[in-house]
C-alpha atoms as a PDB file:
ATOM      1  CA  MET A   1      76.193  67.850  56.090  1.00  0.00           C
ATOM      2  CA  THR A   2      74.908  64.383  55.431  1.00  0.00           C
ATOM      3  CA  GLY A   3      74.143  61.747  57.979  1.00  0.00           C
ATOM      4  CA  LEU A   4      74.862  62.051  61.648  1.00  0.00           C
ATOM      5  CA  ILE A   5      77.415  64.532  62.907  1.00  0.00           C
ATOM      6  CA  ARG A   6      78.970  65.297  66.266  1.00  0.00           C
ATOM      7  CA  GLY A   7      81.617  67.485  67.807  1.00  0.00           C
ATOM      8  CA  GLU A   8      83.161  68.474  71.121  1.00  0.00           C
ATOM      9  CA  VAL A   9      85.420  71.219  72.435  1.00  0.00           C
ATOM     10  CA  ASP A  10      86.692  72.021  75.903  1.00  0.00           C
ATOM     11  CA  THR A  11      88.529  74.700  77.822  1.00  0.00           C
ATOM     12  CA  TYR A  12      89.946  75.330  81.259  1.00  0.00           C
ATOM     13  CA  VAL A  13      88.026  77.886  83.326  1.00  0.00           C
ATOM     14  CA  ALA A  14      89.658  79.472  86.378  1.00  0.00           C
ATOM     15  CA  ALA A  15      86.403  79.382  88.339  1.00  0.00           C
ATOM     16  CA  PRO A  16      84.551  76.791  90.424  1.00  0.00           C
ATOM     17  CA  ALA A  17      82.274  74.284  88.681  1.00  0.00           C
ATOM     18  CA  GLY A  18      79.189  75.561  90.492  1.00  0.00           C
ATOM     19  CA  LEU A  19      79.694  79.059  89.108  1.00  0.00           C
ATOM     20  CA  VAL A  20      80.336  77.729  85.601  1.00  0.00           C
ATOM     21  CA  TYR A  21      77.180  75.604  85.798  1.00  0.00           C
ATOM     22  CA  ALA A  22      75.124  78.599  86.926  1.00  0.00           C
ATOM     23  CA  LEU A  23      76.196  80.512  83.818  1.00  0.00           C
ATOM     24  CA  VAL A  24      75.749  77.636  81.368  1.00  0.00           C
ATOM     25  CA  SER A  25      72.350  76.582  82.674  1.00  0.00           C
ATOM     26  CA  ASP A  26      70.945  80.125  82.672  1.00  0.00           C
ATOM     27  CA  ILE A  27      69.551  79.830  79.159  1.00  0.00           C
ATOM     28  CA  THR A  28      68.352  83.442  79.271  1.00  0.00           C
ATOM     29  CA  ARG A  29      72.036  84.400  78.892  1.00  0.00           C
ATOM     30  CA  MET A  30      72.746  82.114  75.910  1.00  0.00           C
ATOM     31  CA  GLY A  31      72.655  85.112  73.571  1.00  0.00           C
ATOM     32  CA  GLU A  32      75.732  86.447  75.376  1.00  0.00           C
ATOM     33  CA  TRP A  33      77.720  83.293  74.646  1.00  0.00           C
ATOM     34  CA  SER A  34      76.542  81.839  71.340  1.00  0.00           C
ATOM     35  CA  PRO A  35      77.357  83.222  67.897  1.00  0.00           C
ATOM     36  CA  GLU A  36      74.147  81.626  66.581  1.00  0.00           C
ATOM     37  CA  THR A  37      71.538  81.603  69.370  1.00  0.00           C
ATOM     38  CA  TYR A  38      70.576  85.159  70.190  1.00  0.00           C
ATOM     39  CA  ARG A  39      67.683  84.708  72.625  1.00  0.00           C
ATOM     40  CA  CYS A  40      66.253  82.037  74.942  1.00  0.00           C
ATOM     41  CA  GLU A  41      63.462  82.052  77.488  1.00  0.00           C
ATOM     42  CA  TRP A  42      61.828  79.408  79.649  1.00  0.00           C
ATOM     43  CA  THR A  43      58.373  78.316  78.476  1.00  0.00           C
ATOM     44  CA  ASN A  44      55.197  77.805  80.476  1.00  0.00           C
ATOM     45  CA  GLY A  45      56.439  79.779  83.442  1.00  0.00           C
ATOM     46  CA  GLY A  46      59.554  77.631  83.787  1.00  0.00           C
ATOM     47  CA  ALA A  47      61.930  79.261  86.212  1.00  0.00           C
ATOM     48  CA  GLY A  48      65.094  77.291  85.672  1.00  0.00           C
ATOM     49  CA  PRO A  49      66.944  74.182  84.615  1.00  0.00           C
ATOM     50  CA  THR A  50      65.224  70.964  85.606  1.00  0.00           C
ATOM     51  CA  PRO A  51      64.825  67.774  83.567  1.00  0.00           C
ATOM     52  CA  GLY A  52      61.765  68.068  81.364  1.00  0.00           C
ATOM     53  CA  ALA A  53      61.764  71.889  81.373  1.00  0.00           C
ATOM     54  CA  ARG A  54      61.505  73.502  77.950  1.00  0.00           C
ATOM     55  CA  PHE A  55      62.738  76.778  76.576  1.00  0.00           C
ATOM     56  CA  LYS A  56      62.265  78.753  73.389  1.00  0.00           C
ATOM     57  CA  ALA A  57      65.436  79.426  71.443  1.00  0.00           C
ATOM     58  CA  ARG A  58      65.818  81.920  68.615  1.00  0.00           C
ATOM     59  CA  ASN A  59      68.728  81.464  66.239  1.00  0.00           C
ATOM     60  CA  ARG A  60      70.217  83.198  63.212  1.00  0.00           C
ATOM     61  CA  ARG A  61      73.070  82.481  60.872  1.00  0.00           C
ATOM     62  CA  GLY A  62      73.600  83.837  57.371  1.00  0.00           C
ATOM     63  CA  LEU A  63      70.211  84.319  55.720  1.00  0.00           C
ATOM     64  CA  LEU A  64      68.538  81.724  57.927  1.00  0.00           C
ATOM     65  CA  ARG A  65      66.413  82.456  61.003  1.00  0.00           C
ATOM     66  CA  TRP A  66      64.795  79.686  63.026  1.00  0.00           C
ATOM     67  CA  ARG A  67      63.211  78.847  66.354  1.00  0.00           C
ATOM     68  CA  ASN A  68      63.068  75.675  68.355  1.00  0.00           C
ATOM     69  CA  THR A  69      61.915  74.532  71.765  1.00  0.00           C
ATOM     70  CA  PRO A  70      64.605  72.389  73.386  1.00  0.00           C
ATOM     71  CA  GLU A  71      63.929  70.167  76.377  1.00  0.00           C
ATOM     72  CA  VAL A  72      66.322  69.850  79.315  1.00  0.00           C
ATOM     73  CA  MET A  73      67.459  66.253  79.752  1.00  0.00           C
ATOM     74  CA  VAL A  74      70.088  66.587  82.502  1.00  0.00           C
ATOM     75  CA  ALA A  75      70.481  69.386  85.049  1.00  0.00           C
ATOM     76  CA  GLU A  76      73.125  68.414  87.618  1.00  0.00           C
ATOM     77  CA  PRO A  77      74.548  71.538  89.287  1.00  0.00           C
ATOM     78  CA  GLY A  78      78.307  71.758  88.918  1.00  0.00           C
ATOM     79  CA  ARG A  79      78.420  68.687  86.661  1.00  0.00           C
ATOM     80  CA  GLU A  80      76.219  68.673  83.548  1.00  0.00           C
ATOM     81  CA  PHE A  81      73.572  70.592  81.643  1.00  0.00           C
ATOM     82  CA  THR A  82      72.116  68.766  78.632  1.00  0.00           C
ATOM     83  CA  PHE A  83      69.230  69.535  76.333  1.00  0.00           C
ATOM     84  CA  ARG A  84      67.708  68.052  73.192  1.00  0.00           C
ATOM     85  CA  ARG A  85      66.261  69.983  70.297  1.00  0.00           C
ATOM     86  CA  ARG A  86      64.204  68.793  67.354  1.00  0.00           C
ATOM     87  CA  VAL A  87      63.821  70.785  64.135  1.00  0.00           C
ATOM     88  CA  ALA A  88      62.573  69.574  60.740  1.00  0.00           C
ATOM     89  CA  GLY A  89      63.047  65.895  61.574  1.00  0.00           C
ATOM     90  CA  ASN A  90      66.538  66.434  62.959  1.00  0.00           C
ATOM     91  CA  GLU A  91      67.209  65.685  66.631  1.00  0.00           C
ATOM     92  CA  VAL A  92      70.383  66.952  68.291  1.00  0.00           C
ATOM     93  CA  VAL A  93      71.605  66.657  71.889  1.00  0.00           C
ATOM     94  CA  TRP A  94      73.707  69.524  73.244  1.00  0.00           C
ATOM     95  CA  ARG A  95      75.742  68.850  76.389  1.00  0.00           C
ATOM     96  CA  TYR A  96      77.850  70.976  78.735  1.00  0.00           C
ATOM     97  CA  ARG A  97      80.003  69.101  81.235  1.00  0.00           C
ATOM     98  CA  MET A  98      81.984  70.550  84.104  1.00  0.00           C
ATOM     99  CA  THR A  99      84.828  68.622  85.727  1.00  0.00           C
ATOM    100  CA  PRO A 100      86.816  70.002  88.664  1.00  0.00           C
ATOM    101  CA  ASP A 101      90.415  70.588  87.583  1.00  0.00           C
ATOM    102  CA  GLY A 102      92.680  71.869  90.350  1.00  0.00           C
ATOM    103  CA  PRO A 103      91.345  75.243  91.471  1.00  0.00           C
ATOM    104  CA  GLY A 104      89.182  75.580  88.353  1.00  0.00           C
ATOM    105  CA  THR A 105      86.957  73.636  86.009  1.00  0.00           C
ATOM    106  CA  ARG A 106      87.353  71.788  82.734  1.00  0.00           C
ATOM    107  CA  LEU A 107      84.291  72.837  80.689  1.00  0.00           C
ATOM    108  CA  SER A 108      83.262  70.896  77.601  1.00  0.00           C
ATOM    109  CA  GLU A 109      80.499  71.509  75.103  1.00  0.00           C
ATOM    110  CA  SER A 110      79.377  68.853  72.660  1.00  0.00           C
ATOM    111  CA  PHE A 111      76.642  68.100  70.205  1.00  0.00           C
ATOM    112  CA  GLU A 112      75.467  64.841  68.726  1.00  0.00           C
ATOM    113  CA  SER A 113      72.995  64.499  65.896  1.00  0.00           C
ATOM    114  CA  LEU A 114      70.678  61.577  66.673  1.00  0.00           C
ATOM    115  CA  THR A 115      68.595  61.689  63.504  1.00  0.00           C
ATOM    116  CA  PRO A 116      69.724  63.106  60.165  1.00  0.00           C
ATOM    117  CA  SER A 117      67.846  65.809  58.319  1.00  0.00           C
ATOM    118  CA  PRO A 118      66.684  64.988  54.800  1.00  0.00           C
ATOM    119  CA  ALA A 119      69.546  65.479  52.298  1.00  0.00           C
ATOM    120  CA  ALA A 120      67.618  67.987  50.184  1.00  0.00           C
ATOM    121  CA  LEU A 121      66.884  70.082  53.262  1.00  0.00           C
ATOM    122  CA  ASN A 122      70.561  69.964  54.266  1.00  0.00           C
ATOM    123  CA  ARG A 123      71.620  71.429  50.913  1.00  0.00           C
ATOM    124  CA  VAL A 124      69.183  74.329  51.276  1.00  0.00           C
ATOM    125  CA  VAL A 125      70.179  74.937  54.911  1.00  0.00           C
ATOM    126  CA  LEU A 126      73.901  75.029  54.068  1.00  0.00           C
ATOM    127  CA  LEU A 127      73.237  77.508  51.278  1.00  0.00           C
ATOM    128  CA  LEU A 128      71.175  79.783  53.560  1.00  0.00           C
ATOM    129  CA  LEU A 129      73.699  79.478  56.391  1.00  0.00           C
ATOM    130  CA  GLY A 130      76.523  80.383  54.025  1.00  0.00           C
ATOM    131  CA  VAL A 131      78.716  77.440  55.094  1.00  0.00           C
ATOM    132  CA  THR A 132      80.027  74.357  53.320  1.00  0.00           C
ATOM    133  CA  ASP A 133      80.859  72.225  56.367  1.00  0.00           C
ATOM    134  CA  ARG A 134      78.211  72.479  59.081  1.00  0.00           C
ATOM    135  CA  GLN A 135      80.076  70.204  61.483  1.00  0.00           C
ATOM    136  CA  ALA A 136      83.212  72.374  61.355  1.00  0.00           C
ATOM    137  CA  ASP A 137      81.039  75.483  61.616  1.00  0.00           C
ATOM    138  CA  LEU A 138      79.339  74.183  64.770  1.00  0.00           C
ATOM    139  CA  VAL A 139      82.689  73.226  66.339  1.00  0.00           C
ATOM    140  CA  GLN A 140      84.016  76.735  65.671  1.00  0.00           C
ATOM    141  CA  GLY A 141      80.834  78.186  67.199  1.00  0.00           C
ATOM    142  CA  MET A 142      81.317  76.050  70.313  1.00  0.00           C
ATOM    143  CA  ARG A 143      84.877  77.350  70.701  1.00  0.00           C
ATOM    144  CA  HIS A 144      83.530  80.888  70.542  1.00  0.00           C
ATOM    145  CA  THR A 145      80.777  80.057  73.055  1.00  0.00           C
ATOM    146  CA  LEU A 146      83.174  78.486  75.562  1.00  0.00           C
ATOM    147  CA  GLU A 147      85.585  81.403  75.340  1.00  0.00           C
ATOM    148  CA  ARG A 148      82.786  83.817  76.213  1.00  0.00           C
ATOM    149  CA  ILE A 149      81.562  81.630  79.082  1.00  0.00           C
ATOM    150  CA  ARG A 150      85.148  81.290  80.354  1.00  0.00           C
ATOM    151  CA  ALA A 151      85.646  85.052  80.343  1.00  0.00           C
ATOM    152  CA  ALA A 152      82.355  85.673  82.182  1.00  0.00           C
ATOM    153  CA  ALA A 153      83.026  82.942  84.758  1.00  0.00           C
ATOM    154  CA  GLU A 154      86.541  84.131  85.475  1.00  0.00           C
ATOM    155  CA  ALA A 155      85.390  87.747  85.823  1.00  0.00           C
ATOM    156  CA  ALA A 156      82.599  86.694  88.201  1.00  0.00           C
ATOM    157  CA  SER A 157      84.990  84.499  90.194  1.00  0.00           C
ATOM    158  CA  ALA A 158      87.508  87.322  90.560  1.00  0.00           C
ATOM    159  CA  THR A 159      84.882  89.575  92.180  1.00  0.00           C
ATOM    160  CA  ARG A 160      83.939  87.010  94.838  1.00  0.00           C
END
């Protein structure tokens, strides 16, 4: 993992965009979706997704455990939830977009590295994570995340 990386995946969700957004933007549920992030909570009494709000995220992968405090950049119900996280000199933007698609929603998740981590740190991180291609690993994780969100959204939609 050298330089700047990015990735995007999407899926069709048989549920309305507003419902999908409610799930995605409830960061306290991120541990249900993500194979890497296992817990999130709003900081400083934050009660929900608004631009500028921050949350604590706890992550684990392989031998590595880390925390970060992302900041919400975009919170547009039914359309987009975006946050930025900074760790060890590396800044990454994570984005979820919802687009109406017939009776359901096209949900995409993407990440974009804005600043690279130092090369020496990348080598250590890859070793501790137990992966050789972090970009491919993150893309696979996003597929897993979207499948879990899709299943939850469709189950919730079916009970309405």
